Amino acid sequence: MKEPDLQLIHLEDDNGKPLSEKELELQMKRMLRERKMLIIRNWLNTIFIVLALVAIVGVLIFKGGERGLYISYGIAVLAIIIKMVEALFRMPGFRQ
């Protein structure tokens, strides 16, 4: 059974030859970009969860025909749009 690769930056290629400075720099840039995307995705997910909870509470509190119910529906739609944007960031070809 193969052990998981715990090293974040690969110093050698698949043949065991050391990587050049340029290749190491590209790895670092890629890692930083992925880290930034992860932070953005986490913030979007947090906003989605908060808005979804607010919408659920609003739907439970307000009765049909009340203005608050329609506002809750609007908040729910906004939460879904934010989740769709977050899902876009997970798509492999999106970053190119």
Protein backbone atom coordinates (compact mmCIF):
# COMPACT_ATOMS: atom_id res chain seq x y z
CA MET A 1 0.00 0.00 0.00
CA LYS A 2 1.40 3.37 -1.02
CA GLU A 3 1.94 5.97 1.70
CA PRO A 4 0.22 9.32 1.28
CA ASP A 5 2.42 12.11 -0.07
CA LEU A 6 2.87 14.50 2.86
CA GLN A 7 5.33 16.79 1.09
CA LEU A 8 3.60 19.85 -0.35
CA ILE A 9 6.34 20.89 -2.76
CA HIS A 10 7.94 18.23 -4.93
CA LEU A 11 11.68 18.71 -5.18
CA GLU A 12 12.18 15.93 -7.75
CA ASP A 13 10.38 14.85 -10.88
CA ASP A 14 8.97 11.35 -11.44
CA ASN A 15 12.41 10.08 -12.51
CA GLY A 16 14.15 11.36 -9.37
CA LYS A 17 15.87 14.31 -11.05
CA PRO A 18 15.87 17.59 -9.11
CA LEU A 19 13.49 20.27 -10.33
CA SER A 20 14.75 23.64 -11.52
CA GLU A 21 14.19 26.86 -9.62
CA LYS A 22 11.59 27.91 -12.18
CA GLU A 23 9.61 24.69 -11.71
CA LEU A 24 9.76 25.08 -7.91
CA GLU A 25 8.58 28.68 -8.25
CA LEU A 26 5.67 27.56 -10.43
CA GLN A 27 4.69 25.03 -7.77
CA MET A 28 4.72 27.75 -5.11
CA LYS A 29 2.58 30.09 -7.24
CA ARG A 30 0.11 27.28 -7.93
CA MET A 31 -0.10 26.45 -4.22
CA LEU A 32 -0.68 30.10 -3.27
CA ARG A 33 -3.40 30.44 -5.92
CA GLU A 34 -5.11 27.28 -4.67
CA ARG A 35 -4.90 28.55 -1.09
CA LYS A 36 -6.50 31.87 -2.05
CA MET A 37 -9.27 30.06 -3.90
CA LEU A 38 -9.89 27.86 -0.86
CA ILE A 39 -10.20 30.93 1.38
CA ILE A 40 -12.66 32.54 -1.05
CA ARG A 41 -14.68 29.32 -1.26
CA ASN A 42 -14.79 29.05 2.53
CA TRP A 43 -16.08 32.62 2.84
CA LEU A 44 -18.73 32.00 0.18
CA ASN A 45 -19.83 28.81 1.94
CA THR A 46 -20.07 30.65 5.26
CA ILE A 47 -22.21 33.38 3.69
CA PHE A 48 -24.37 30.72 2.04
CA ILE A 49 -24.97 28.90 5.33
CA VAL A 50 -25.87 32.09 7.21
CA LEU A 51 -28.25 33.28 4.48
CA ALA A 52 -29.86 29.85 4.20
CA LEU A 53 -30.47 29.74 7.96
CA VAL A 54 -31.96 33.24 7.93
CA ALA A 55 -34.23 32.25 5.04
CA ILE A 56 -35.36 29.06 6.78
CA VAL A 57 -36.17 30.93 9.99
CA GLY A 58 -38.03 33.57 7.99
CA VAL A 59 -40.12 30.97 6.18
CA LEU A 60 -40.98 29.34 9.51
CA ILE A 61 -41.91 32.62 11.23
CA PHE A 62 -43.92 34.49 8.58
CA LYS A 63 -47.33 33.45 7.30
CA GLY A 64 -48.44 33.39 3.67
CA GLY A 65 -48.94 36.81 2.14
CA GLU A 66 -46.74 38.65 4.62
CA ARG A 67 -43.91 40.79 3.32
CA GLY A 68 -41.35 38.98 5.50
CA LEU A 69 -42.10 35.70 3.74
CA TYR A 70 -41.24 37.21 0.35
CA ILE A 71 -38.06 38.71 1.79
CA SER A 72 -37.16 35.25 3.12
CA TYR A 73 -37.69 33.80 -0.34
CA GLY A 74 -35.42 36.49 -1.79
CA ILE A 75 -32.74 35.69 0.78
CA ALA A 76 -33.03 32.00 -0.11
CA VAL A 77 -32.56 32.77 -3.82
CA LEU A 78 -29.53 34.94 -3.00
CA ALA A 79 -28.07 32.08 -0.93
CA ILE A 80 -28.51 29.70 -3.86
CA ILE A 81 -26.80 32.13 -6.24
CA ILE A 82 -23.85 32.43 -3.85
CA LYS A 83 -23.62 28.64 -3.64
CA MET A 84 -23.62 28.41 -7.43
CA VAL A 85 -20.74 30.90 -7.62
CA GLU A 86 -18.81 28.83 -5.06
CA ALA A 87 -19.46 25.71 -7.14
CA LEU A 88 -18.02 27.51 -10.17
CA PHE A 89 -14.73 27.93 -8.32
CA ARG A 90 -14.55 24.14 -7.86
CA MET A 91 -14.78 23.48 -11.60
CA PRO A 92 -11.37 22.40 -12.95
CA GLY A 93 -11.30 24.58 -16.08
CA PHE A 94 -12.65 27.73 -14.43
CA ARG A 95 -9.30 29.06 -13.20
CA GLN A 96 -7.72 29.08 -16.66
